[in-house]
């Protein structure tokens, strides 16, 4: 099953990378599908088929990979506007709303997405759902000072929050924050939940990405399926 998924991710990555153009600033997401995209970008650069591009990575992990693959990098300070961003997602619904943050980079991923003229999301078909929360938990990045109060707040909403653990200790994001993974089941009103979470000062960001996907690329065994968001 993993080999099939990897093949579908590669198909999605190849199609997404085909939208990239020379002389542009590119947002570089985080995750396994992005890894395949970085490999492809590296090859295009080496073959002089993609020239004068600079990437802005969404995580330390992606930055390290980009350096390994000889992809030139820049920053939002130097280039506050991004031409095109390619990233993955943990779950996608029919409105092209996303859950992201499985890799722990949701804050910088959302900053980059909001700074981008075009966002391309790459997924294999297993990431598609009728309702967000149906297949994946909702990551929420929380400031350390507020971890106790925000955990209790989420419980009062009737959901099941768990502090993310890695290597027997609390997972720490690139920004030095914690992540609470909310096991909420099907989210009936995505925008309402987004507003509730945004209202909390202790929450740095949440993994609901609403109206940020311009193009969805779905990797399937038969090839890539493209969905365009006509609402943004």
Protein backbone atom coordinates (compact mmCIF):
# COMPACT_ATOMS: atom_id res chain seq x y z
CA UNK A 1 0.00 0.00 0.00
CA UNK A 2 2.84 2.39 0.82
CA UNK A 3 4.41 1.86 -2.61
CA UNK A 4 1.09 2.68 -4.28
CA UNK A 5 0.68 5.80 -2.15
CA UNK A 6 4.20 6.93 -2.93
CA UNK A 7 3.53 6.49 -6.62
CA UNK A 8 0.35 8.59 -6.36
CA UNK A 9 2.26 11.26 -4.43
CA UNK A 10 4.91 11.32 -7.16
CA UNK A 11 2.20 11.72 -9.81
CA UNK A 12 0.69 14.64 -7.88
CA UNK A 13 4.10 16.25 -7.32
CA UNK A 14 5.06 15.98 -10.99
CA UNK A 15 1.87 17.71 -12.08
CA UNK A 16 2.16 20.42 -9.43
CA UNK A 17 5.78 21.18 -10.36
CA UNK A 18 4.75 21.56 -14.01
CA UNK A 19 3.00 24.81 -13.00
CA UNK A 20 6.24 26.39 -11.81
CA UNK A 21 7.91 28.98 -14.01
CA UNK A 22 11.36 30.48 -14.22
CA UNK A 23 12.04 33.90 -12.69
CA UNK A 24 9.71 33.39 -9.75
CA UNK A 25 9.54 33.07 -5.97
CA UNK A 26 8.24 29.70 -4.86
CA UNK A 27 6.77 28.64 -1.53
CA UNK A 28 8.03 25.24 -0.42
CA UNK A 29 5.68 23.29 1.82
CA UNK A 30 6.43 20.45 4.19
CA UNK A 31 5.74 16.72 4.05
CA UNK A 32 6.25 13.55 2.08
CA UNK A 33 4.64 14.75 -1.15
CA UNK A 34 6.70 17.95 -1.02
CA UNK A 35 9.84 15.79 -0.80
CA UNK A 36 9.05 14.36 -4.24
CA UNK A 37 8.39 17.89 -5.55
CA UNK A 38 11.76 19.11 -4.27
CA UNK A 39 13.50 16.25 -6.06
CA UNK A 40 11.81 17.24 -9.31
CA UNK A 41 12.60 20.94 -8.85
CA UNK A 42 16.23 20.10 -8.22
CA UNK A 43 16.42 18.13 -11.47
CA UNK A 44 14.77 20.93 -13.46
CA UNK A 45 17.27 23.42 -12.06
CA UNK A 46 20.19 21.13 -12.86
CA UNK A 47 18.88 20.74 -16.43
CA UNK A 48 18.40 24.53 -16.80
CA UNK A 49 14.69 24.03 -17.39
CA UNK A 50 13.84 26.11 -14.32
CA UNK A 51 16.08 29.17 -13.89
CA UNK A 52 16.25 32.16 -11.59
CA UNK A 53 13.90 30.75 -8.99
CA UNK A 54 14.14 31.10 -5.23
CA UNK A 55 12.26 29.09 -2.64
CA UNK A 56 10.88 30.05 0.75
CA UNK A 57 10.70 26.96 2.98
CA UNK A 58 7.90 26.42 5.51
CA UNK A 59 10.01 24.44 7.99
CA UNK A 60 13.55 23.70 9.05
CA UNK A 61 13.12 20.21 7.59
CA UNK A 62 12.20 21.60 4.17
CA UNK A 63 15.02 24.13 4.35
CA UNK A 64 17.52 21.33 4.95
CA UNK A 65 16.14 19.34 2.02
CA UNK A 66 16.21 22.37 -0.27
CA UNK A 67 19.87 22.96 0.59
CA UNK A 68 20.58 19.27 -0.05
CA UNK A 69 18.87 19.52 -3.45
CA UNK A 70 20.68 22.78 -4.36
CA UNK A 71 17.49 24.83 -4.53
CA UNK A 72 18.26 28.55 -4.01
CA UNK A 73 16.48 30.02 -0.99
CA UNK A 74 15.24 33.42 0.11
CA UNK A 75 13.00 34.79 2.85
CA UNK A 76 9.74 36.69 3.26
CA UNK A 77 11.76 39.67 4.47
CA UNK A 78 13.54 39.80 1.12
CA UNK A 79 10.51 38.72 -0.94
CA UNK A 80 7.22 39.38 0.90
CA UNK A 81 5.12 38.21 -2.05
CA UNK A 82 5.31 34.66 -3.40
CA UNK A 83 4.38 33.81 -6.98
CA UNK A 84 3.35 30.22 -6.42
CA UNK A 85 3.27 27.90 -3.42
CA UNK A 86 3.27 24.10 -3.55
CA UNK A 87 2.33 22.13 -0.49
CA UNK A 88 0.54 19.01 0.67
CA UNK A 89 -2.43 18.44 2.97
CA UNK A 90 -3.57 15.88 5.50
CA UNK A 91 -7.22 16.06 4.45
CA UNK A 92 -9.27 17.86 1.78
CA UNK A 93 -13.04 18.30 1.47
CA UNK A 94 -15.23 19.11 -1.53
CA UNK A 95 -14.90 22.88 -0.91
CA UNK A 96 -11.11 22.48 -1.13
CA UNK A 97 -10.83 23.34 2.55
CA UNK A 98 -7.85 21.64 4.17
CA UNK A 99 -6.56 20.20 7.38
CA UNK A 100 -2.81 20.70 7.62
CA UNK A 101 -0.24 20.40 10.36
CA UNK A 102 0.48 16.70 10.57
CA UNK A 103 4.15 17.57 10.13
CA UNK A 104 3.99 20.35 12.68
CA UNK A 105 4.65 23.26 10.27
CA UNK A 106 1.11 24.66 10.04
CA UNK A 107 1.91 28.20 11.23
CA UNK A 108 4.61 28.92 8.65
CA UNK A 109 2.65 26.97 6.01
CA UNK A 110 -0.33 29.27 6.50
CA UNK A 111 1.83 32.41 6.50
CA UNK A 112 3.35 31.31 3.19
CA UNK A 113 -0.05 30.37 1.74
CA UNK A 114 -1.48 33.78 2.60
CA UNK A 115 1.53 35.50 1.02
CA UNK A 116 1.18 33.53 -2.23
CA UNK A 117 -0.60 34.60 -5.40
CA UNK A 118 -1.35 30.96 -6.24
CA UNK A 119 -1.51 27.95 -3.94
CA UNK A 120 -1.23 24.45 -5.38
CA UNK A 121 -2.03 21.59 -3.03
CA UNK A 122 -0.80 18.08 -3.86
CA UNK A 123 -2.43 14.99 -2.35
CA UNK A 124 -2.96 11.33 -3.08
CA UNK A 125 -6.59 10.30 -3.31
CA UNK A 126 -6.63 8.82 0.22
CA UNK A 127 -6.65 12.41 1.59
CA UNK A 128 -10.10 13.20 0.18
CA UNK A 129 -13.07 13.38 2.58
CA UNK A 130 -16.67 14.50 2.58
CA UNK A 131 -16.09 16.23 5.91
CA UNK A 132 -12.87 17.51 7.43
CA UNK A 133 -12.05 15.59 10.60
CA UNK A 134 -13.47 12.41 9.12
CA UNK A 135 -10.03 10.91 8.43
CA UNK A 136 -7.59 13.16 10.27
CA UNK A 137 -7.28 15.00 13.56
CA UNK A 138 -7.05 18.81 13.69
CA UNK A 139 -3.64 20.18 14.75
CA UNK A 140 -3.63 23.41 16.76
CA UNK A 141 -0.40 25.27 17.60
CA UNK A 142 -0.47 26.70 21.13
CA UNK A 143 1.87 29.00 23.03
CA UNK A 144 3.53 27.13 25.94
CA UNK A 145 2.13 29.60 28.51
CA UNK A 146 -1.43 28.75 27.42
CA UNK A 147 -1.22 24.98 26.96
CA UNK A 148 -3.28 24.17 30.06
CA UNK A 149 -6.03 26.72 29.49
CA UNK A 150 -6.41 26.00 25.78
CA UNK A 151 -6.55 22.26 26.39
CA UNK A 152 -9.41 22.77 28.85
CA UNK A 153 -11.14 25.22 26.48
CA UNK A 154 -11.11 22.65 23.69
CA UNK A 155 -12.52 20.03 26.05
CA UNK A 156 -15.41 22.38 26.86
CA UNK A 157 -16.18 22.49 23.14
CA UNK A 158 -16.89 18.76 23.39
CA UNK A 159 -13.77 17.64 21.57
CA UNK A 160 -10.86 15.42 22.55
CA UNK A 161 -7.51 17.31 22.65
CA UNK A 162 -4.17 15.57 23.06
CA UNK A 163 -0.77 17.23 23.34
CA UNK A 164 1.40 15.87 20.55
CA UNK A 165 4.21 13.66 21.84
CA UNK A 166 7.40 12.80 19.98
CA UNK A 167 10.24 10.71 21.38
CA UNK A 168 8.48 10.50 24.76
CA UNK A 169 8.25 14.27 25.21
CA UNK A 170 6.06 17.11 23.98
CA UNK A 171 6.58 17.93 20.32
CA UNK A 172 8.01 21.44 19.88
CA UNK A 173 7.41 23.39 16.67
CA UNK A 174 10.03 25.45 14.84
CA UNK A 175 8.57 28.47 16.67
CA UNK A 176 8.97 26.86 20.08
CA UNK A 177 5.28 26.11 20.58
CA UNK A 178 3.27 23.01 21.44
CA UNK A 179 0.73 21.27 19.23
CA UNK A 180 -2.62 20.02 20.44
CA UNK A 181 -4.17 17.42 18.15
CA UNK A 182 -7.96 17.61 18.36
CA UNK A 183 -9.82 14.40 17.66
CA UNK A 184 -13.11 16.02 16.75
CA UNK A 185 -14.73 13.71 14.20
CA UNK A 186 -16.64 15.22 11.27
CA UNK A 187 -16.54 19.02 11.39
CA UNK A 188 -20.01 20.20 10.42
CA UNK A 189 -19.16 23.92 10.21
CA UNK A 190 -15.53 24.52 9.33
CA UNK A 191 -15.68 28.32 9.29
CA UNK A 192 -17.43 28.49 12.66
CA UNK A 193 -14.80 26.29 14.30
CA UNK A 194 -12.06 28.33 12.65
CA UNK A 195 -13.51 31.54 14.11
CA UNK A 196 -13.78 30.00 17.58
CA UNK A 197 -10.16 28.88 17.57
CA UNK A 198 -8.96 32.20 16.16
CA UNK A 199 -10.67 34.01 19.03
CA UNK A 200 -8.31 32.42 21.58
CA UNK A 201 -5.20 34.47 22.37
CA UNK A 202 -3.32 31.35 23.47
CA UNK A 203 -3.66 29.69 20.08
CA UNK A 204 -0.92 30.71 17.65
CA UNK A 205 -2.66 29.07 14.65
CA UNK A 206 -4.83 26.13 13.71
CA UNK A 207 -4.72 23.65 10.87
CA UNK A 208 -7.94 24.62 9.08
CA UNK A 209 -6.99 26.20 5.75
CA UNK A 210 -10.07 27.92 4.33
CA UNK A 211 -10.21 29.55 0.87
CA UNK A 212 -6.47 29.21 0.35
CA UNK A 213 -6.36 26.48 -2.31
CA UNK A 214 -6.38 27.70 -5.90
CA UNK A 215 -5.52 24.37 -7.52
CA UNK A 216 -5.84 20.89 -6.06
CA UNK A 217 -3.77 18.15 -7.68
CA UNK A 218 -4.92 14.63 -6.81
CA UNK A 219 -2.53 11.81 -7.51
CA UNK A 220 -4.24 8.62 -8.62
CA UNK A 221 -2.97 5.36 -10.08
CA UNK A 222 -4.52 6.42 -13.40
CA UNK A 223 -2.84 9.84 -13.34
CA UNK A 224 -3.35 13.32 -11.93
CA UNK A 225 -6.79 14.87 -11.46
CA UNK A 226 -6.99 18.67 -11.26
CA UNK A 227 -9.60 20.71 -9.41
CA UNK A 228 -9.73 24.50 -9.69
CA UNK A 229 -11.23 26.65 -6.96
CA UNK A 230 -13.63 29.07 -8.66
CA UNK A 231 -14.60 30.76 -5.39
CA UNK A 232 -11.32 32.59 -4.77
